[in-house]
């Protein structure tokens, strides 16, 4: 496979903007929840936990589905659809009149941010096997940049207005969509695409597959414990 450095750079910019947008709302979401609940800390803590759980559940169920769809229709349309959906979702959250609307927005966020595995598949498509470790390492750099500067910018925006961070996140996500639309080429050739089979999108089935590969199962367990901590 011939390496495509330009395509790798494009997708790394896409991932960086995506993570930056997600990081922006981390410091302000709890404050917005607290405002909706009239400053009641106990209820706000419970609702914050619900927001975190529903976000993770959406990623658990939809990451495999988006992955299978990207195998069938290509990586580019899935990434673009997710970026556009995330941008529109942040607008919904910025304008949310009630806590229920904010909660609905978080559900949609969990679905649309499930495109990160598709971006990693994109990297695998355009990078030779011997260079994939380095390319995946750059994905880690993109995560680091996004989660370092995103919360910092979000915190500053939150001092002005908690909803401002959502507007900035929406602008970044929509800019990300435009960037992808004009500059990110498709990575998966037509002859490499697979027939869509819903059973391949089963998240429980994915866990079963992991158990059949002991090294991957151990690595996944370590990663799970790290996130749990």
Protein backbone atom coordinates (compact mmCIF):
# COMPACT_ATOMS: atom_id res chain seq x y z
CA UNK A 1 0.00 0.00 0.00
CA UNK A 2 1.28 3.44 -0.91
CA UNK A 3 1.27 5.95 1.93
CA UNK A 4 -0.88 9.06 1.48
CA UNK A 5 0.63 11.69 3.85
CA UNK A 6 -1.77 14.44 2.75
CA UNK A 7 -4.79 12.25 3.57
CA UNK A 8 -3.30 11.46 6.99
CA UNK A 9 -2.82 15.18 7.71
CA UNK A 10 -6.39 15.92 6.64
CA UNK A 11 -7.87 13.27 8.93
CA UNK A 12 -5.64 14.34 11.85
CA UNK A 13 -6.95 17.90 11.51
CA UNK A 14 -10.47 16.47 11.45
CA UNK A 15 -9.89 14.46 14.64
CA UNK A 16 -8.19 17.41 16.39
CA UNK A 17 -11.12 19.74 15.66
CA UNK A 18 -13.57 17.03 16.72
CA UNK A 19 -11.86 16.45 20.08
CA UNK A 20 -11.35 20.20 20.60
CA UNK A 21 -15.10 20.73 20.20
CA UNK A 22 -15.86 17.92 22.67
CA UNK A 23 -13.34 19.27 25.16
CA UNK A 24 -14.87 22.74 25.03
CA UNK A 25 -18.08 21.67 26.75
CA UNK A 26 -16.47 19.59 29.53
CA UNK A 27 -16.11 22.46 32.05
CA UNK A 28 -19.45 24.14 31.29
CA UNK A 29 -21.91 21.24 31.03
CA UNK A 30 -22.10 20.68 34.83
CA UNK A 31 -22.70 24.41 35.40
CA UNK A 32 -25.48 24.47 32.83
CA UNK A 33 -27.11 21.44 34.46
CA UNK A 34 -26.82 23.18 37.84
CA UNK A 35 -28.48 26.31 36.45
CA UNK A 36 -31.42 24.29 35.11
CA UNK A 37 -31.87 22.70 38.54
CA UNK A 38 -31.83 25.99 40.41
CA UNK A 39 -28.47 25.41 42.09
CA UNK A 40 -29.42 22.10 43.75
CA UNK A 41 -26.03 20.34 43.98
CA UNK A 42 -27.31 16.84 44.84
CA UNK A 43 -29.70 16.67 41.90
CA UNK A 44 -27.06 18.22 39.62
CA UNK A 45 -24.58 15.48 40.56
CA UNK A 46 -27.16 12.79 39.75
CA UNK A 47 -28.00 14.37 36.42
CA UNK A 48 -24.33 14.80 35.53
CA UNK A 49 -23.88 11.07 36.09
CA UNK A 50 -26.87 10.34 33.84
CA UNK A 51 -25.41 12.55 31.13
CA UNK A 52 -22.10 10.66 31.34
CA UNK A 53 -23.78 7.24 31.28
CA UNK A 54 -26.06 7.97 28.32
CA UNK A 55 -23.13 9.43 26.35
CA UNK A 56 -21.07 6.28 26.93
CA UNK A 57 -24.00 3.98 26.12
CA UNK A 58 -24.61 5.72 22.80
CA UNK A 59 -20.96 5.27 21.90
CA UNK A 60 -21.09 1.60 22.92
CA UNK A 61 -24.06 0.86 20.69
CA UNK A 62 -23.34 3.14 17.73
CA UNK A 63 -19.57 2.84 17.27
CA UNK A 64 -19.89 -0.70 15.81
CA UNK A 65 -22.82 0.37 13.64
CA UNK A 66 -20.98 3.36 12.17
CA UNK A 67 -17.94 1.16 11.64
CA UNK A 68 -19.98 -1.37 9.64
CA UNK A 69 -21.63 1.43 7.66
CA UNK A 70 -18.21 2.84 6.82
CA UNK A 71 -17.14 -0.60 5.56
CA UNK A 72 -20.13 -0.54 3.22
CA UNK A 73 -20.36 3.10 2.10
CA UNK A 74 -16.84 4.38 2.74
CA UNK A 75 -15.18 6.30 5.57
CA UNK A 76 -15.71 9.81 4.21
CA UNK A 77 -19.55 9.98 4.26
CA UNK A 78 -19.70 8.58 7.81
CA UNK A 79 -17.12 11.06 9.10
CA UNK A 80 -18.84 13.97 7.33
CA UNK A 81 -22.30 12.97 8.55
CA UNK A 82 -21.01 12.67 12.11
CA UNK A 83 -19.30 16.07 12.00
CA UNK A 84 -22.39 17.76 10.59
CA UNK A 85 -24.63 16.03 13.13
CA UNK A 86 -22.33 17.01 15.99
CA UNK A 87 -22.29 20.65 14.89
CA UNK A 88 -26.09 20.82 14.69
CA UNK A 89 -26.35 19.00 18.01
CA UNK A 90 -24.18 21.59 19.76
CA UNK A 91 -26.53 24.27 18.43
CA UNK A 92 -29.46 22.37 19.96
CA UNK A 93 -27.61 22.19 23.28
CA UNK A 94 -26.66 25.87 23.13
CA UNK A 95 -30.33 26.80 22.67
CA UNK A 96 -31.77 24.12 24.99
CA UNK A 97 -34.73 25.66 26.88
CA UNK A 98 -35.00 22.78 29.38
CA UNK A 99 -32.85 20.08 30.94
CA UNK A 100 -34.66 17.46 28.83
CA UNK A 101 -33.54 19.17 25.63
CA UNK A 102 -29.98 19.30 26.96
CA UNK A 103 -30.18 15.59 27.78
CA UNK A 104 -31.45 14.83 24.27
CA UNK A 105 -28.51 16.77 22.89
CA UNK A 106 -26.11 14.65 24.93
CA UNK A 107 -27.67 11.49 23.49
CA UNK A 108 -27.10 12.80 19.97
CA UNK A 109 -23.53 13.78 20.92
CA UNK A 110 -22.83 10.21 21.96
CA UNK A 111 -24.06 8.95 18.60
CA UNK A 112 -22.22 11.47 16.45
CA UNK A 113 -18.87 11.23 18.28
CA UNK A 114 -18.87 7.51 17.55
CA UNK A 115 -17.10 8.39 14.29
CA UNK A 116 -13.66 8.36 15.94
CA UNK A 117 -13.16 4.60 15.21
CA UNK A 118 -14.05 5.35 11.58
CA UNK A 119 -11.31 7.99 11.51
CA UNK A 120 -8.87 5.38 12.83
CA UNK A 121 -10.02 2.98 10.11
CA UNK A 122 -9.33 5.78 7.62
CA UNK A 123 -5.75 6.01 8.92
CA UNK A 124 -5.36 2.24 8.50
CA UNK A 125 -6.67 2.48 4.92
CA UNK A 126 -4.09 5.04 3.79
CA UNK A 127 -1.06 3.91 5.79
CA UNK A 128 1.19 0.89 5.11
CA UNK A 129 1.29 -1.71 7.90
CA UNK A 130 4.85 -0.83 8.87
CA UNK A 131 3.88 2.82 9.45
CA UNK A 132 0.52 2.36 11.17
CA UNK A 133 1.89 2.44 14.72
CA UNK A 134 3.31 5.91 14.11
CA UNK A 135 0.12 7.08 12.41
CA UNK A 136 -2.04 5.85 15.30
CA UNK A 137 0.38 7.63 17.64
CA UNK A 138 -0.45 10.86 15.81
CA UNK A 139 -4.13 10.20 16.55
CA UNK A 140 -3.10 10.20 20.22
CA UNK A 141 -1.41 13.57 19.68
CA UNK A 142 -4.64 14.90 18.16
CA UNK A 143 -6.55 13.70 21.24
CA UNK A 144 -3.98 15.35 23.50
CA UNK A 145 -4.23 18.70 21.71
CA UNK A 146 -8.03 18.61 21.74
CA UNK A 147 -8.38 17.65 25.39
CA UNK A 148 -5.68 20.12 26.49
CA UNK A 149 -6.91 23.25 24.75
CA UNK A 150 -10.62 22.39 24.53
CA UNK A 151 -11.43 22.51 28.26
CA UNK A 152 -9.18 25.56 28.72
CA UNK A 153 -11.02 27.51 26.02
CA UNK A 154 -14.36 26.18 27.29
CA UNK A 155 -13.57 27.35 30.80
CA UNK A 156 -12.75 30.86 29.59
CA UNK A 157 -15.92 30.95 27.48
CA UNK A 158 -17.93 29.64 30.43
CA UNK A 159 -16.85 32.63 32.51
CA UNK A 160 -18.69 34.80 30.00
CA UNK A 161 -21.69 32.50 29.45
CA UNK A 162 -21.90 28.68 29.76
CA UNK A 163 -23.78 28.48 26.46
CA UNK A 164 -21.01 30.32 24.61
CA UNK A 165 -18.83 27.20 24.77
CA UNK A 166 -21.52 25.23 22.93
CA UNK A 167 -21.68 27.87 20.20
CA UNK A 168 -17.89 27.73 19.79
CA UNK A 169 -18.03 23.92 19.72
CA UNK A 170 -20.76 24.09 17.07
CA UNK A 171 -18.67 26.45 14.95
CA UNK A 172 -15.64 24.15 15.20
CA UNK A 173 -17.66 21.06 14.29
CA UNK A 174 -19.28 22.75 11.30
CA UNK A 175 -15.88 24.10 10.20
CA UNK A 176 -14.62 20.53 10.57
CA UNK A 177 -17.44 19.33 8.31
CA UNK A 178 -16.55 21.94 5.68
CA UNK A 179 -12.88 20.99 5.92
CA UNK A 180 -13.73 17.34 5.40
CA UNK A 181 -16.17 18.05 2.58
CA UNK A 182 -13.65 19.99 0.53
CA UNK A 183 -10.32 18.42 1.48
CA UNK A 184 -10.71 14.87 2.85
CA UNK A 185 -10.77 12.25 0.06
CA UNK A 186 -12.34 8.80 0.36
CA UNK A 187 -9.90 6.17 1.61
CA UNK A 188 -11.77 2.92 0.99
CA UNK A 189 -11.85 1.77 -2.63
CA UNK A 190 -15.08 0.36 -4.05
CA UNK A 191 -13.57 -3.11 -4.48
CA UNK A 192 -12.64 -3.22 -0.78
CA UNK A 193 -16.09 -2.45 0.57
CA UNK A 194 -18.15 -5.09 2.35
CA UNK A 195 -21.80 -5.99 2.26
CA UNK A 196 -23.78 -4.49 5.13
CA UNK A 197 -24.73 -7.09 7.73
CA UNK A 198 -26.52 -5.92 10.84
CA UNK A 199 -25.10 -8.73 12.97
CA UNK A 200 -21.63 -7.26 12.47
CA UNK A 201 -22.86 -4.09 14.22
CA UNK A 202 -23.75 -5.99 17.40
CA UNK A 203 -21.63 -4.47 20.22
CA UNK A 204 -21.93 -7.66 22.29
CA UNK A 205 -20.65 -9.59 19.29
CA UNK A 206 -17.65 -7.27 19.21
CA UNK A 207 -16.87 -8.23 22.81
CA UNK A 208 -17.12 -11.90 21.85
CA UNK A 209 -14.64 -11.27 19.05
CA UNK A 210 -12.27 -9.62 21.52
CA UNK A 211 -12.43 -12.65 23.81
CA UNK A 212 -11.25 -14.84 20.95
CA UNK A 213 -8.07 -12.74 20.72
CA UNK A 214 -6.42 -12.98 24.13
CA UNK A 215 -3.88 -10.20 23.55
CA UNK A 216 -6.58 -7.75 22.46
CA UNK A 217 -8.82 -8.80 25.36
CA UNK A 218 -6.05 -8.08 27.87
CA UNK A 219 -5.27 -4.73 26.25
CA UNK A 220 -8.96 -3.78 26.21
CA UNK A 221 -9.32 -4.76 29.87
CA UNK A 222 -6.39 -2.52 30.81
CA UNK A 223 -7.90 0.35 28.82
CA UNK A 224 -11.29 -0.20 30.48
CA UNK A 225 -9.74 -0.09 33.95
CA UNK A 226 -7.83 3.09 33.03
CA UNK A 227 -11.05 4.83 31.95
CA UNK A 228 -12.85 3.50 35.05
CA UNK A 229 -10.14 4.99 37.28
